[in-house]
Full PDB file with SEQRES, HELIX, SHEET, SSBOND, CRYST1, ORIGX, SCALE, CONECT and MASTER records, all heavy atoms in Angstrom:
SEQRES   1 A   29  ALA ARG THR PRO GLY VAL PRO GLN ALA ILE THR GLY LEU          
SEQRES   2 A   29  ALA GLY VAL GLY LYS THR GLN THR ALA LEU GLU TYR VAL          
SEQRES   3 A   29  HIS ARG TRP                                                  
HELIX    1 AA1 LYS A   18  ARG A   28  1                                  11    
CRYST1    1.000    1.000    1.000  90.00  90.00  90.00 P 1           1          
ORIGX1      1.000000  0.000000  0.000000        0.00000                         
ORIGX2      0.000000  1.000000  0.000000        0.00000                         
ORIGX3      0.000000  0.000000  1.000000        0.00000                         
SCALE1      1.000000  0.000000  0.000000        0.00000                         
SCALE2      0.000000  1.000000  0.000000        0.00000                         
SCALE3      0.000000  0.000000  1.000000        0.00000                         
ATOM      1  N   ALA A   1      24.641  -3.106  35.035  1.00  0.00           N  
ATOM      2  CA  ALA A   1      24.403  -4.003  36.184  1.00  0.00           C  
ATOM      3  C   ALA A   1      24.539  -5.479  35.839  1.00  0.00           C  
ATOM      4  O   ALA A   1      24.861  -6.283  36.681  1.00  0.00           O  
ATOM      5  CB  ALA A   1      23.036  -3.746  36.739  1.00  0.00           C  
ATOM      6  N   ARG A   2      24.295  -5.835  34.594  1.00  0.00           N  
ATOM      7  CA  ARG A   2      24.302  -7.250  34.259  1.00  0.00           C  
ATOM      8  C   ARG A   2      25.746  -7.774  34.118  1.00  0.00           C  
ATOM      9  O   ARG A   2      26.714  -7.031  34.035  1.00  0.00           O  
ATOM     10  CB  ARG A   2      23.592  -7.480  32.895  1.00  0.00           C  
ATOM     11  CG  ARG A   2      22.164  -7.027  32.925  1.00  0.00           C  
ATOM     12  CD  ARG A   2      21.278  -7.909  33.831  1.00  0.00           C  
ATOM     13  NE  ARG A   2      19.878  -7.585  33.668  1.00  0.00           N  
ATOM     14  CZ  ARG A   2      19.207  -6.687  34.400  1.00  0.00           C  
ATOM     15  NH1 ARG A   2      19.825  -6.011  35.314  1.00  0.00           N  
ATOM     16  NH2 ARG A   2      17.921  -6.450  34.183  1.00  0.00           N  
ATOM     17  N   THR A   3      25.836  -9.085  34.102  1.00  0.00           N  
ATOM     18  CA  THR A   3      27.126  -9.734  33.863  1.00  0.00           C  
ATOM     19  C   THR A   3      27.681  -9.321  32.510  1.00  0.00           C  
ATOM     20  O   THR A   3      26.960  -9.369  31.535  1.00  0.00           O  
ATOM     21  CB  THR A   3      26.951 -11.290  33.897  1.00  0.00           C  
ATOM     22  OG1 THR A   3      26.391 -11.667  35.112  1.00  0.00           O  
ATOM     23  CG2 THR A   3      28.309 -11.964  33.744  1.00  0.00           C  
ATOM     24  N   PRO A   4      28.919  -8.885  32.455  1.00  0.00           N  
ATOM     25  CA  PRO A   4      29.470  -8.416  31.158  1.00  0.00           C  
ATOM     26  C   PRO A   4      29.326  -9.494  30.119  1.00  0.00           C  
ATOM     27  O   PRO A   4      29.527 -10.666  30.339  1.00  0.00           O  
ATOM     28  CB  PRO A   4      30.968  -8.187  31.498  1.00  0.00           C  
ATOM     29  CG  PRO A   4      30.981  -7.912  32.961  1.00  0.00           C  
ATOM     30  CD  PRO A   4      29.871  -8.755  33.587  1.00  0.00           C  
ATOM     31  N   GLY A   5      28.969  -9.035  28.890  1.00  0.00           N  
ATOM     32  CA  GLY A   5      28.854  -9.986  27.785  1.00  0.00           C  
ATOM     33  C   GLY A   5      27.425 -10.504  27.569  1.00  0.00           C  
ATOM     34  O   GLY A   5      27.144 -11.098  26.519  1.00  0.00           O  
ATOM     35  N   VAL A   6      26.496 -10.292  28.496  1.00  0.00           N  
ATOM     36  CA  VAL A   6      25.122 -10.745  28.296  1.00  0.00           C  
ATOM     37  C   VAL A   6      24.411  -9.676  27.422  1.00  0.00           C  
ATOM     38  O   VAL A   6      24.225  -8.555  27.881  1.00  0.00           O  
ATOM     39  CB  VAL A   6      24.373 -10.877  29.617  1.00  0.00           C  
ATOM     40  CG1 VAL A   6      22.887 -11.244  29.381  1.00  0.00           C  
ATOM     41  CG2 VAL A   6      25.042 -11.936  30.518  1.00  0.00           C  
ATOM     42  N   PRO A   7      24.092 -10.020  26.185  1.00  0.00           N  
ATOM     43  CA  PRO A   7      23.480  -9.027  25.284  1.00  0.00           C  
ATOM     44  C   PRO A   7      22.162  -8.462  25.790  1.00  0.00           C  
ATOM     45  O   PRO A   7      21.372  -9.216  26.440  1.00  0.00           O  
ATOM     46  CB  PRO A   7      23.340  -9.781  23.992  1.00  0.00           C  
ATOM     47  CG  PRO A   7      24.286 -10.919  24.084  1.00  0.00           C  
ATOM     48  CD  PRO A   7      24.318 -11.312  25.534  1.00  0.00           C  
ATOM     49  N   GLN A   8      21.880  -7.218  25.473  1.00  0.00           N  
ATOM     50  CA  GLN A   8      20.594  -6.583  25.708  1.00  0.00           C  
ATOM     51  C   GLN A   8      19.950  -6.347  24.332  1.00  0.00           C  
ATOM     52  O   GLN A   8      20.517  -5.738  23.488  1.00  0.00           O  
ATOM     53  CB  GLN A   8      20.752  -5.271  26.439  1.00  0.00           C  
ATOM     54  CG  GLN A   8      21.426  -5.376  27.796  1.00  0.00           C  
ATOM     55  CD  GLN A   8      20.618  -6.218  28.773  1.00  0.00           C  
ATOM     56  OE1 GLN A   8      19.427  -6.018  28.925  1.00  0.00           O  
ATOM     57  NE2 GLN A   8      21.277  -7.168  29.443  1.00  0.00           N  
ATOM     58  N   ALA A   9      18.745  -6.924  24.175  1.00  0.00           N  
ATOM     59  CA  ALA A   9      18.045  -6.848  22.873  1.00  0.00           C  
ATOM     60  C   ALA A   9      16.971  -5.796  22.924  1.00  0.00           C  
ATOM     61  O   ALA A   9      16.057  -5.893  23.742  1.00  0.00           O  
ATOM     62  CB  ALA A   9      17.459  -8.222  22.489  1.00  0.00           C  
ATOM     63  N   ILE A  10      17.054  -4.742  22.068  1.00  0.00           N  
ATOM     64  CA  ILE A  10      15.983  -3.799  21.890  1.00  0.00           C  
ATOM     65  C   ILE A  10      15.006  -4.386  20.907  1.00  0.00           C  
ATOM     66  O   ILE A  10      15.316  -4.529  19.713  1.00  0.00           O  
ATOM     67  CB  ILE A  10      16.523  -2.448  21.414  1.00  0.00           C  
ATOM     68  CG1 ILE A  10      17.565  -1.900  22.349  1.00  0.00           C  
ATOM     69  CG2 ILE A  10      15.393  -1.467  21.211  1.00  0.00           C  
ATOM     70  CD1 ILE A  10      18.209  -0.611  21.852  1.00  0.00           C  
ATOM     71  N   THR A  11      13.788  -4.729  21.385  1.00  0.00           N  
ATOM     72  CA  THR A  11      12.795  -5.372  20.489  1.00  0.00           C  
ATOM     73  C   THR A  11      11.644  -4.411  20.257  1.00  0.00           C  
ATOM     74  O   THR A  11      11.469  -3.477  21.025  1.00  0.00           O  
ATOM     75  CB  THR A  11      12.305  -6.654  21.116  1.00  0.00           C  
ATOM     76  OG1 THR A  11      11.518  -6.349  22.298  1.00  0.00           O  
ATOM     77  CG2 THR A  11      13.428  -7.597  21.503  1.00  0.00           C  
ATOM     78  N   GLY A  12      10.901  -4.640  19.207  1.00  0.00           N  
ATOM     79  CA  GLY A  12       9.735  -3.775  18.931  1.00  0.00           C  
ATOM     80  C   GLY A  12       9.261  -3.847  17.493  1.00  0.00           C  
ATOM     81  O   GLY A  12       9.983  -4.401  16.598  1.00  0.00           O  
ATOM     82  N   LEU A  13       8.166  -3.197  17.284  1.00  0.00           N  
ATOM     83  CA  LEU A  13       7.526  -3.151  15.946  1.00  0.00           C  
ATOM     84  C   LEU A  13       8.422  -2.490  14.916  1.00  0.00           C  
ATOM     85  O   LEU A  13       9.271  -1.652  15.217  1.00  0.00           O  
ATOM     86  CB  LEU A  13       6.254  -2.335  16.096  1.00  0.00           C  
ATOM     87  CG  LEU A  13       5.249  -2.270  14.918  1.00  0.00           C  
ATOM     88  CD1 LEU A  13       4.609  -3.621  14.714  1.00  0.00           C  
ATOM     89  CD2 LEU A  13       4.223  -1.173  15.185  1.00  0.00           C  
ATOM     90  N   ALA A  14       8.305  -2.901  13.658  1.00  0.00           N  
ATOM     91  CA  ALA A  14       9.023  -2.228  12.592  1.00  0.00           C  
ATOM     92  C   ALA A  14       8.657  -0.743  12.575  1.00  0.00           C  
ATOM     93  O   ALA A  14       7.502  -0.372  12.663  1.00  0.00           O  
ATOM     94  CB  ALA A  14       8.667  -2.862  11.230  1.00  0.00           C  
ATOM     95  N   GLY A  15       9.690   0.118  12.452  1.00  0.00           N  
ATOM     96  CA  GLY A  15       9.460   1.538  12.393  1.00  0.00           C  
ATOM     97  C   GLY A  15       9.320   2.172  13.731  1.00  0.00           C  
ATOM     98  O   GLY A  15       9.045   3.412  13.820  1.00  0.00           O  
ATOM     99  N   VAL A  16       9.528   1.455  14.864  1.00  0.00           N  
ATOM    100  CA  VAL A  16       9.308   2.049  16.168  1.00  0.00           C  
ATOM    101  C   VAL A  16      10.555   2.805  16.668  1.00  0.00           C  
ATOM    102  O   VAL A  16      10.489   3.515  17.710  1.00  0.00           O  
ATOM    103  CB  VAL A  16       8.902   0.947  17.210  1.00  0.00           C  
ATOM    104  CG1 VAL A  16      10.091   0.177  17.691  1.00  0.00           C  
ATOM    105  CG2 VAL A  16       8.098   1.541  18.358  1.00  0.00           C  
ATOM    106  N   GLY A  17      11.615   2.741  15.943  1.00  0.00           N  
ATOM    107  CA  GLY A  17      12.812   3.543  16.274  1.00  0.00           C  
ATOM    108  C   GLY A  17      13.934   2.781  17.017  1.00  0.00           C  
ATOM    109  O   GLY A  17      14.718   3.387  17.713  1.00  0.00           O  
ATOM    110  N   LYS A  18      13.977   1.481  16.851  1.00  0.00           N  
ATOM    111  CA  LYS A  18      14.991   0.655  17.564  1.00  0.00           C  
ATOM    112  C   LYS A  18      16.406   1.083  17.171  1.00  0.00           C  
ATOM    113  O   LYS A  18      17.287   1.311  18.077  1.00  0.00           O  
ATOM    114  CB  LYS A  18      14.805  -0.803  17.281  1.00  0.00           C  
ATOM    115  CG  LYS A  18      13.435  -1.340  17.690  1.00  0.00           C  
ATOM    116  CD  LYS A  18      13.253  -2.820  17.369  1.00  0.00           C  
ATOM    117  CE  LYS A  18      13.255  -3.105  15.895  1.00  0.00           C  
ATOM    118  NZ  LYS A  18      12.050  -2.551  15.196  1.00  0.00           N  
ATOM    119  N   THR A  19      16.665   1.214  15.879  1.00  0.00           N  
ATOM    120  CA  THR A  19      18.025   1.560  15.432  1.00  0.00           C  
ATOM    121  C   THR A  19      18.408   2.938  15.896  1.00  0.00           C  
ATOM    122  O   THR A  19      19.497   3.188  16.401  1.00  0.00           O  
ATOM    123  CB  THR A  19      18.110   1.453  13.878  1.00  0.00           C  
ATOM    124  OG1 THR A  19      17.939   0.088  13.508  1.00  0.00           O  
ATOM    125  CG2 THR A  19      19.443   1.981  13.390  1.00  0.00           C  
ATOM    126  N   GLN A  20      17.504   3.923  15.733  1.00  0.00           N  
ATOM    127  CA  GLN A  20      17.851   5.280  16.097  1.00  0.00           C  
ATOM    128  C   GLN A  20      18.009   5.430  17.613  1.00  0.00           C  
ATOM    129  O   GLN A  20      18.867   6.257  18.075  1.00  0.00           O  
ATOM    130  CB  GLN A  20      16.725   6.235  15.638  1.00  0.00           C  
ATOM    131  CG  GLN A  20      16.607   6.296  14.125  1.00  0.00           C  
ATOM    132  CD  GLN A  20      17.952   6.721  13.488  1.00  0.00           C  
ATOM    133  OE1 GLN A  20      18.641   7.638  13.953  1.00  0.00           O  
ATOM    134  NE2 GLN A  20      18.301   6.033  12.382  1.00  0.00           N  
ATOM    135  N   THR A  21      17.280   4.655  18.416  1.00  0.00           N  
ATOM    136  CA  THR A  21      17.447   4.707  19.846  1.00  0.00           C  
ATOM    137  C   THR A  21      18.804   4.113  20.274  1.00  0.00           C  
ATOM    138  O   THR A  21      19.469   4.694  21.105  1.00  0.00           O  
ATOM    139  CB  THR A  21      16.291   3.975  20.578  1.00  0.00           C  
ATOM    140  OG1 THR A  21      15.047   4.575  20.217  1.00  0.00           O  
ATOM    141  CG2 THR A  21      16.435   3.998  22.078  1.00  0.00           C  
ATOM    142  N   ALA A  22      19.144   2.995  19.630  1.00  0.00           N  
ATOM    143  CA  ALA A  22      20.445   2.417  19.891  1.00  0.00           C  
ATOM    144  C   ALA A  22      21.569   3.352  19.535  1.00  0.00           C  
ATOM    145  O   ALA A  22      22.562   3.512  20.190  1.00  0.00           O  
ATOM    146  CB  ALA A  22      20.619   1.078  19.185  1.00  0.00           C  
ATOM    147  N   LEU A  23      21.395   4.040  18.388  1.00  0.00           N  
ATOM    148  CA  LEU A  23      22.418   4.946  17.925  1.00  0.00           C  
ATOM    149  C   LEU A  23      22.562   6.131  18.852  1.00  0.00           C  
ATOM    150  O   LEU A  23      23.689   6.576  19.126  1.00  0.00           O  
ATOM    151  CB  LEU A  23      22.022   5.427  16.495  1.00  0.00           C  
ATOM    152  CG  LEU A  23      23.049   6.315  15.739  1.00  0.00           C  
ATOM    153  CD1 LEU A  23      24.325   5.571  15.575  1.00  0.00           C  
ATOM    154  CD2 LEU A  23      22.486   6.731  14.413  1.00  0.00           C  
ATOM    155  N   GLU A  24      21.445   6.683  19.304  1.00  0.00           N  
ATOM    156  CA  GLU A  24      21.521   7.784  20.234  1.00  0.00           C  
ATOM    157  C   GLU A  24      22.193   7.350  21.574  1.00  0.00           C  
ATOM    158  O   GLU A  24      22.997   8.082  22.139  1.00  0.00           O  
ATOM    159  CB  GLU A  24      20.139   8.330  20.494  1.00  0.00           C  
ATOM    160  CG  GLU A  24      20.104   9.505  21.514  1.00  0.00           C  
ATOM    161  CD  GLU A  24      20.757  10.772  21.002  1.00  0.00           C  
ATOM    162  OE1 GLU A  24      20.978  10.883  19.780  1.00  0.00           O  
ATOM    163  OE2 GLU A  24      21.032  11.695  21.791  1.00  0.00           O  
ATOM    164  N   TYR A  25      21.864   6.161  22.020  1.00  0.00           N  
ATOM    165  CA  TYR A  25      22.462   5.612  23.238  1.00  0.00           C  
ATOM    166  C   TYR A  25      23.999   5.562  23.082  1.00  0.00           C  
ATOM    167  O   TYR A  25      24.747   6.004  23.954  1.00  0.00           O  
ATOM    168  CB  TYR A  25      21.947   4.251  23.585  1.00  0.00           C  
ATOM    169  CG  TYR A  25      22.660   3.617  24.739  1.00  0.00           C  
ATOM    170  CD1 TYR A  25      22.258   3.873  26.040  1.00  0.00           C  
ATOM    171  CD2 TYR A  25      23.760   2.782  24.530  1.00  0.00           C  
ATOM    172  CE1 TYR A  25      22.931   3.350  27.141  1.00  0.00           C  
ATOM    173  CE2 TYR A  25      24.447   2.236  25.647  1.00  0.00           C  
ATOM    174  CZ  TYR A  25      24.018   2.547  26.905  1.00  0.00           C  
ATOM    175  OH  TYR A  25      24.722   1.993  27.960  1.00  0.00           O  
ATOM    176  N   VAL A  26      24.439   5.032  21.944  1.00  0.00           N  
ATOM    177  CA  VAL A  26      25.898   4.877  21.707  1.00  0.00           C  
ATOM    178  C   VAL A  26      26.574   6.227  21.727  1.00  0.00           C  
ATOM    179  O   VAL A  26      27.631   6.412  22.354  1.00  0.00           O  
ATOM    180  CB  VAL A  26      26.064   4.172  20.334  1.00  0.00           C  
ATOM    181  CG1 VAL A  26      27.515   4.372  19.861  1.00  0.00           C  
ATOM    182  CG2 VAL A  26      25.778   2.703  20.455  1.00  0.00           C  
ATOM    183  N   HIS A  27      25.990   7.238  21.096  1.00  0.00           N  
ATOM    184  CA  HIS A  27      26.628   8.558  21.052  1.00  0.00           C  
ATOM    185  C   HIS A  27      26.666   9.238  22.412  1.00  0.00           C  
ATOM    186  O   HIS A  27      27.597   9.897  22.750  1.00  0.00           O  
ATOM    187  CB  HIS A  27      25.903   9.439  20.040  1.00  0.00           C  
ATOM    188  CG  HIS A  27      26.330   9.206  18.621  1.00  0.00           C  
ATOM    189  ND1 HIS A  27      27.431   9.783  17.991  1.00  0.00           N  
ATOM    190  CD2 HIS A  27      25.800   8.363  17.671  1.00  0.00           C  
ATOM    191  CE1 HIS A  27      27.550   9.361  16.779  1.00  0.00           C  
ATOM    192  NE2 HIS A  27      26.597   8.509  16.528  1.00  0.00           N  
ATOM    193  N   ARG A  28      25.628   9.004  23.218  1.00  0.00           N  
ATOM    194  CA  ARG A  28      25.569   9.660  24.517  1.00  0.00           C  
ATOM    195  C   ARG A  28      26.502   9.057  25.522  1.00  0.00           C  
ATOM    196  O   ARG A  28      27.138   9.754  26.333  1.00  0.00           O  
ATOM    197  CB  ARG A  28      24.131   9.626  25.083  1.00  0.00           C  
ATOM    198  CG  ARG A  28      23.151  10.459  24.350  1.00  0.00           C  
ATOM    199  CD  ARG A  28      21.900  10.695  25.199  1.00  0.00           C  
ATOM    200  NE  ARG A  28      20.873  11.337  24.396  1.00  0.00           N  
ATOM    201  CZ  ARG A  28      19.702  11.725  24.905  1.00  0.00           C  
ATOM    202  NH1 ARG A  28      19.426  11.455  26.151  1.00  0.00           N  
ATOM    203  NH2 ARG A  28      18.779  12.327  24.179  1.00  0.00           N  
ATOM    204  N   TRP A  29      26.655   7.716  25.484  1.00  0.00           N  
ATOM    205  CA  TRP A  29      27.492   7.060  26.465  1.00  0.00           C  
ATOM    206  C   TRP A  29      28.826   6.581  25.872  1.00  0.00           C  
ATOM    207  O   TRP A  29      29.501   5.739  26.475  1.00  0.00           O  
ATOM    208  CB  TRP A  29      26.767   5.856  27.080  1.00  0.00           C  
ATOM    209  CG  TRP A  29      25.869   6.272  28.260  1.00  0.00           C  
ATOM    210  CD1 TRP A  29      26.267   6.398  29.537  1.00  0.00           C  
ATOM    211  CD2 TRP A  29      24.474   6.590  28.205  1.00  0.00           C  
ATOM    212  NE1 TRP A  29      25.213   6.777  30.318  1.00  0.00           N  
ATOM    213  CE2 TRP A  29      24.112   6.918  29.534  1.00  0.00           C  
ATOM    214  CE3 TRP A  29      23.537   6.645  27.212  1.00  0.00           C  
ATOM    215  CZ2 TRP A  29      22.839   7.273  29.847  1.00  0.00           C  
ATOM    216  CZ3 TRP A  29      22.252   6.987  27.558  1.00  0.00           C  
ATOM    217  CH2 TRP A  29      21.877   7.328  28.854  1.00  0.00           C  
TER     218      TRP A  29                                                      
MASTER        0    0    0    1    0    0    0    6  217    1    0    3          
END                                                                             
C-alpha cells in the first residue's frame, strides 16, 4: 500500500526473530 521505495523497518528486541520473520516473508511472497 505504501509509496514504492519507502522502507519498512522490522524493529524489536535482540533474539525476537526479526531476521527469521523477514526471511520467511521473502520466501512466501
